[in-house]
N, C-alpha and C. Protein backbone atom coordinates (compact mmCIF):
# COMPACT_ATOMS: atom_id res chain seq x y z
N MET A 1 9.06 1.82 10.18
CA MET A 1 7.80 1.25 9.61
C MET A 1 7.58 2.25 8.23
N LEU A 2 6.72 1.43 7.28
CA LEU A 2 6.15 2.03 6.15
C LEU A 2 4.71 1.95 6.53
N PHE A 3 3.93 3.39 6.39
CA PHE A 3 2.48 3.64 6.60
C PHE A 3 2.21 3.91 5.30
N ILE A 4 0.94 3.48 4.86
CA ILE A 4 0.10 3.75 3.89
C ILE A 4 -1.20 4.23 4.41
N LYS A 5 -1.85 5.46 3.82
CA LYS A 5 -2.90 6.21 4.27
C LYS A 5 -3.79 6.43 3.38
N ILE A 6 -4.98 5.65 3.68
CA ILE A 6 -6.14 5.83 2.38
C ILE A 6 -7.00 6.80 3.06
N ALA A 7 -7.45 7.70 2.17
CA ALA A 7 -8.38 8.89 2.42
C ALA A 7 -9.50 8.76 1.44
N ASN A 8 -10.63 9.05 1.86
CA ASN A 8 -11.71 9.37 1.17
C ASN A 8 -12.35 10.66 1.12
N PRO A 9 -11.73 11.56 0.14
CA PRO A 9 -12.21 12.79 -0.01
C PRO A 9 -13.50 13.14 -0.76
N GLY A 10 -14.08 12.06 -0.63
CA GLY A 10 -15.09 12.11 -1.80
C GLY A 10 -16.43 12.53 -0.81
N ASN A 11 -17.57 12.33 -1.69
CA ASN A 11 -18.79 12.59 -0.75
C ASN A 11 -19.97 11.18 -0.82
N ARG A 12 -19.35 10.35 -0.58
CA ARG A 12 -19.97 9.12 -0.31
C ARG A 12 -19.17 7.85 0.15
N THR A 13 -19.51 7.00 1.03
CA THR A 13 -18.92 5.90 1.22
C THR A 13 -18.53 4.85 0.51
N VAL A 14 -17.40 4.46 0.26
CA VAL A 14 -16.62 3.14 -0.55
C VAL A 14 -16.44 1.91 0.37
N THR A 15 -16.58 0.86 -0.12
CA THR A 15 -15.88 -0.30 0.50
C THR A 15 -14.70 -0.51 -0.21
N ILE A 16 -13.86 -0.45 0.68
CA ILE A 16 -12.19 -0.73 -0.13
C ILE A 16 -11.72 -2.32 0.45
N ASP A 17 -11.21 -2.68 -0.28
CA ASP A 17 -10.18 -4.16 0.07
C ASP A 17 -8.80 -3.74 0.68
N SER A 18 -8.10 -4.56 0.84
CA SER A 18 -6.58 -4.39 1.85
C SER A 18 -5.69 -3.82 0.60
N PRO A 19 -5.12 -2.67 0.78
CA PRO A 19 -3.98 -2.21 -0.10
C PRO A 19 -2.95 -2.95 -0.49
N HIS A 20 -2.41 -2.65 -1.74
CA HIS A 20 -1.32 -3.65 -2.11
C HIS A 20 -0.28 -2.43 -2.67
N ILE A 21 1.04 -3.00 -3.00
CA ILE A 21 1.96 -2.42 -3.57
C ILE A 21 2.45 -2.85 -4.81
N LYS A 22 2.31 -1.96 -5.86
CA LYS A 22 2.46 -2.18 -7.50
C LYS A 22 3.99 -2.04 -7.47
N LEU A 23 4.75 -3.11 -7.99
CA LEU A 23 6.16 -2.98 -8.30
C LEU A 23 6.43 -2.44 -9.77
N PRO A 24 7.45 -2.40 -10.16
CA PRO A 24 7.96 -1.60 -11.57
C PRO A 24 7.80 -2.95 -12.70
N ASP A 25 7.87 -4.05 -12.34
CA ASP A 25 7.47 -5.26 -13.16
C ASP A 25 6.30 -5.63 -13.22
N GLY A 26 5.28 -4.78 -12.75
CA GLY A 26 3.94 -4.91 -12.89
C GLY A 26 3.26 -6.07 -11.93
N LYS A 27 4.24 -6.82 -11.09
CA LYS A 27 3.37 -7.49 -9.95
C LYS A 27 3.24 -6.57 -8.91
N SER A 28 2.41 -7.34 -7.80
CA SER A 28 1.92 -6.53 -6.65
C SER A 28 2.49 -7.23 -5.56
N ILE A 29 2.67 -6.57 -4.23
CA ILE A 29 3.05 -7.24 -2.96
C ILE A 29 1.62 -7.14 -2.28
N PHE A 30 0.91 -8.01 -1.74
CA PHE A 30 -0.52 -7.79 -1.14
C PHE A 30 -0.15 -8.07 0.20
N PHE A 31 -1.10 -7.57 1.14
CA PHE A 31 -1.15 -7.39 2.43
C PHE A 31 -2.17 -8.12 3.00
N PRO A 32 -2.33 -9.73 3.03
CA PRO A 32 -3.57 -10.22 3.27
C PRO A 32 -4.20 -10.14 4.69
N GLU A 33 -3.24 -10.05 5.61
CA GLU A 33 -3.81 -9.73 7.08
C GLU A 33 -2.84 -8.39 7.28
N PRO A 34 -2.97 -7.41 6.81
CA PRO A 34 -2.46 -6.15 7.05
C PRO A 34 -2.42 -5.73 8.82
N MET A 35 -1.25 -5.28 9.17
CA MET A 35 -1.25 -4.43 10.43
C MET A 35 -2.18 -2.98 10.06
N SER A 36 -3.36 -2.67 10.60
CA SER A 36 -3.97 -1.53 10.39
C SER A 36 -4.82 -1.16 11.48
N ASP A 37 -5.55 0.01 11.16
CA ASP A 37 -6.35 0.53 12.19
C ASP A 37 -7.76 0.10 11.91
N VAL A 38 -7.98 -0.78 10.78
CA VAL A 38 -9.72 -1.29 10.44
C VAL A 38 -9.34 -2.46 10.06
N THR A 39 -10.27 -3.31 9.49
CA THR A 39 -10.37 -4.80 9.13
C THR A 39 -11.05 -4.69 7.87
N PHE A 40 -10.11 -5.24 6.77
CA PHE A 40 -10.80 -5.26 5.61
C PHE A 40 -11.56 -6.54 5.00
N PRO A 41 -12.61 -6.33 4.14
CA PRO A 41 -13.04 -5.10 3.61
C PRO A 41 -13.53 -4.00 4.30
N TYR A 42 -13.24 -2.86 4.20
CA TYR A 42 -13.79 -1.47 5.28
C TYR A 42 -14.50 -0.57 4.36
N GLU A 43 -15.74 -0.05 5.07
CA GLU A 43 -16.60 0.95 4.53
C GLU A 43 -15.77 2.25 5.02
N LEU A 44 -15.41 3.02 4.19
CA LEU A 44 -14.65 4.32 4.21
C LEU A 44 -15.24 5.38 4.10
N LYS A 45 -15.73 6.11 5.09
CA LYS A 45 -16.98 6.90 5.10
C LYS A 45 -16.07 8.40 4.02
N GLU A 46 -17.00 8.94 3.84
CA GLU A 46 -16.66 10.48 3.15
C GLU A 46 -16.08 11.03 4.31
N GLY A 47 -14.76 11.71 3.66
CA GLY A 47 -14.17 12.56 4.76
C GLY A 47 -13.17 11.99 5.68
N LYS A 48 -13.26 10.51 5.81
CA LYS A 48 -12.29 9.93 6.72
C LYS A 48 -11.30 9.23 6.13
N ASN A 49 -10.37 8.48 6.97
CA ASN A 49 -9.26 7.89 6.40
C ASN A 49 -8.77 6.64 7.40
N CYS A 50 -7.88 5.70 6.93
CA CYS A 50 -7.59 4.84 7.82
C CYS A 50 -6.03 4.32 7.00
N ARG A 51 -5.38 3.48 7.60
CA ARG A 51 -4.18 3.24 7.15
C ARG A 51 -3.55 1.65 7.73
N ILE A 52 -2.60 1.57 6.69
CA ILE A 52 -1.95 -0.11 7.08
C ILE A 52 -0.58 0.25 7.48
N TRP A 53 0.35 -0.33 7.58
CA TRP A 53 1.52 -0.47 8.12
C TRP A 53 2.29 -1.70 7.93
N THR A 54 3.65 -1.76 7.83
CA THR A 54 4.72 -2.76 8.05
C THR A 54 5.85 -2.32 8.10
N GLU A 55 6.64 -3.48 8.65
CA GLU A 55 7.94 -2.99 8.80
C GLU A 55 8.78 -2.93 7.81
N MET A 56 9.68 -2.10 7.52
CA MET A 56 10.59 -1.79 6.40
C MET A 56 11.44 -3.06 6.24
N ASP A 57 11.85 -3.66 7.17
CA ASP A 57 12.95 -4.69 6.75
C ASP A 57 11.93 -5.96 6.25
N LEU A 58 10.55 -6.19 6.31
CA LEU A 58 10.10 -7.02 5.86
C LEU A 58 9.73 -6.67 4.62
N LEU A 59 9.45 -5.25 4.10
CA LEU A 59 9.15 -5.01 2.81
C LEU A 59 10.30 -5.23 1.96
N LYS A 60 11.49 -4.61 2.56
CA LYS A 60 12.95 -4.88 1.76
C LYS A 60 12.98 -6.41 1.64
N ARG A 61 13.11 -7.30 2.65
CA ARG A 61 13.03 -8.67 2.03
C ARG A 61 12.43 -9.18 1.01
N GLU A 62 10.97 -8.56 1.20
CA GLU A 62 10.11 -9.07 0.10
C GLU A 62 10.70 -8.77 -1.28
N LEU A 63 11.17 -7.50 -1.24
CA LEU A 63 11.86 -7.01 -2.62
C LEU A 63 12.87 -7.61 -3.13
N ILE A 64 13.70 -7.92 -2.20
CA ILE A 64 15.07 -8.73 -2.68
C ILE A 64 14.49 -9.96 -3.24
N GLU A 65 13.71 -10.51 -2.44
CA GLU A 65 13.13 -11.82 -3.01
C GLU A 65 12.59 -11.92 -4.27
N HIS A 66 11.96 -10.66 -4.67
CA HIS A 66 11.51 -10.33 -6.20
C HIS A 66 12.78 -10.19 -7.06
N GLY A 67 13.76 -10.17 -6.65
CA GLY A 67 15.06 -9.67 -7.58
C GLY A 67 15.51 -8.25 -7.54
N TYR A 68 14.80 -7.32 -6.71
CA TYR A 68 15.23 -6.06 -6.68
C TYR A 68 16.45 -5.52 -5.95
N THR A 69 17.26 -4.42 -6.57
CA THR A 69 18.36 -3.91 -5.72
C THR A 69 18.21 -2.30 -5.93
N GLY A 70 18.89 -1.81 -5.07
CA GLY A 70 19.06 -0.43 -5.38
C GLY A 70 18.01 0.27 -4.94
N ASN A 71 17.78 1.42 -5.64
CA ASN A 71 16.54 2.19 -5.54
C ASN A 71 15.43 1.44 -6.34
N VAL A 72 14.13 1.33 -5.86
CA VAL A 72 12.83 0.71 -6.43
C VAL A 72 11.60 1.86 -6.51
N ASN A 73 11.31 2.08 -7.39
CA ASN A 73 10.10 2.98 -7.37
C ASN A 73 8.55 2.07 -7.05
N LEU A 74 7.94 2.40 -6.01
CA LEU A 74 6.65 1.71 -5.34
C LEU A 74 5.54 2.54 -5.50
N LYS A 75 4.28 2.04 -5.77
CA LYS A 75 3.23 2.83 -5.69
C LYS A 75 2.17 1.91 -4.83
N ALA A 76 1.64 2.53 -3.73
CA ALA A 76 0.56 1.85 -3.09
C ALA A 76 -0.61 1.92 -4.02
N ARG A 77 -1.55 1.11 -3.67
CA ARG A 77 -2.90 1.13 -4.60
C ARG A 77 -3.87 0.39 -3.86
N VAL A 78 -4.96 0.92 -3.85
CA VAL A 78 -6.36 0.17 -3.26
C VAL A 78 -7.57 0.05 -4.34
N GLU A 79 -8.23 -0.96 -4.08
CA GLU A 79 -9.23 -1.17 -5.22
C GLU A 79 -10.85 -1.06 -3.96
N ASP A 80 -11.65 -0.47 -4.79
CA ASP A 80 -12.96 -0.45 -3.86
C ASP A 80 -14.13 -1.67 -4.38
N ARG A 81 -15.15 -2.12 -3.92
CA ARG A 81 -15.59 -3.07 -4.29
C ARG A 81 -16.54 -3.02 -5.76
N THR A 82 -16.55 -1.79 -6.30
CA THR A 82 -16.99 -1.65 -7.81
C THR A 82 -15.86 -1.70 -8.69
N GLY A 83 -14.77 -2.37 -8.13
CA GLY A 83 -13.59 -2.28 -9.05
C GLY A 83 -12.54 -1.26 -9.46
N LYS A 84 -12.97 0.07 -8.97
CA LYS A 84 -12.29 1.14 -9.11
C LYS A 84 -11.01 1.33 -8.49
N LEU A 85 -9.80 1.60 -9.24
CA LEU A 85 -8.42 1.46 -8.44
C LEU A 85 -8.22 2.85 -8.18
N TYR A 86 -7.53 3.06 -6.88
CA TYR A 86 -6.94 4.42 -6.50
C TYR A 86 -5.72 3.85 -6.36
N LYS A 87 -4.92 5.09 -6.64
CA LYS A 87 -3.30 5.07 -6.56
C LYS A 87 -2.91 6.76 -6.50
N PRO A 88 -2.00 6.66 -6.15
CA PRO A 88 -1.02 8.07 -5.92
C PRO A 88 -0.76 8.59 -7.22
N LYS A 89 -0.41 9.90 -7.53
CA LYS A 89 -0.03 10.46 -8.75
C LYS A 89 1.59 10.14 -9.06
N LYS A 90 2.28 9.88 -7.90
CA LYS A 90 3.88 9.85 -8.21
C LYS A 90 4.02 8.59 -7.28
N PRO A 91 5.22 7.67 -7.71
CA PRO A 91 5.72 6.88 -6.88
C PRO A 91 6.86 7.19 -5.90
N TRP A 92 7.01 6.28 -5.26
CA TRP A 92 8.15 6.62 -3.90
C TRP A 92 9.30 5.64 -4.03
N LYS A 93 10.08 6.04 -3.85
CA LYS A 93 11.33 5.28 -3.77
C LYS A 93 11.98 4.44 -2.45
N LEU A 94 12.12 3.54 -2.48
CA LEU A 94 12.82 2.68 -1.36
C LEU A 94 13.99 2.13 -1.93
N ASN A 95 15.15 2.52 -1.01
CA ASN A 95 16.45 1.66 -1.42
C ASN A 95 16.71 0.48 -0.36
N VAL A 96 16.32 -0.66 -1.25
CA VAL A 96 16.60 -1.91 -0.75
C VAL A 96 17.76 -2.30 0.08
N GLU A 97 18.79 -1.45 -0.12
CA GLU A 97 20.16 -1.97 0.55
C GLU A 97 20.64 -1.10 1.77
N LYS A 98 19.54 0.01 1.94
CA LYS A 98 19.76 1.16 2.88
C LYS A 98 19.48 0.34 4.34
N LYS A 99 20.00 0.54 5.27
CA LYS A 99 19.75 -0.10 6.68
C LYS A 99 18.85 0.69 7.53
N PHE A 100 17.75 0.15 7.99
CA PHE A 100 16.91 1.16 8.93
C PHE A 100 17.14 0.67 10.40
N ASP A 101 17.12 1.84 11.22
CA ASP A 101 17.03 1.50 12.79
C ASP A 101 15.79 1.07 13.17
């Protein structure tokens, strides 16, 4: 499973939409109805967090359908209701050819 954790280290509540994964070609993979511990849009209170998850094989299939092979740099992103985009500092790599148990 791939887990994406969204944390609010700020000092006010923000309403966030469902996270997505930014691909190297600028396109994104969205999770319209993600498996999650919350329902989106979600009011993320200060100091709290939430997460979504997906099966690695589903994500790998999606990447292969977009034409990716080998290691792919990915970044999870989430936007709040004011349009502010939150993203990690570094991408993470997923090898779409690697088998997962």
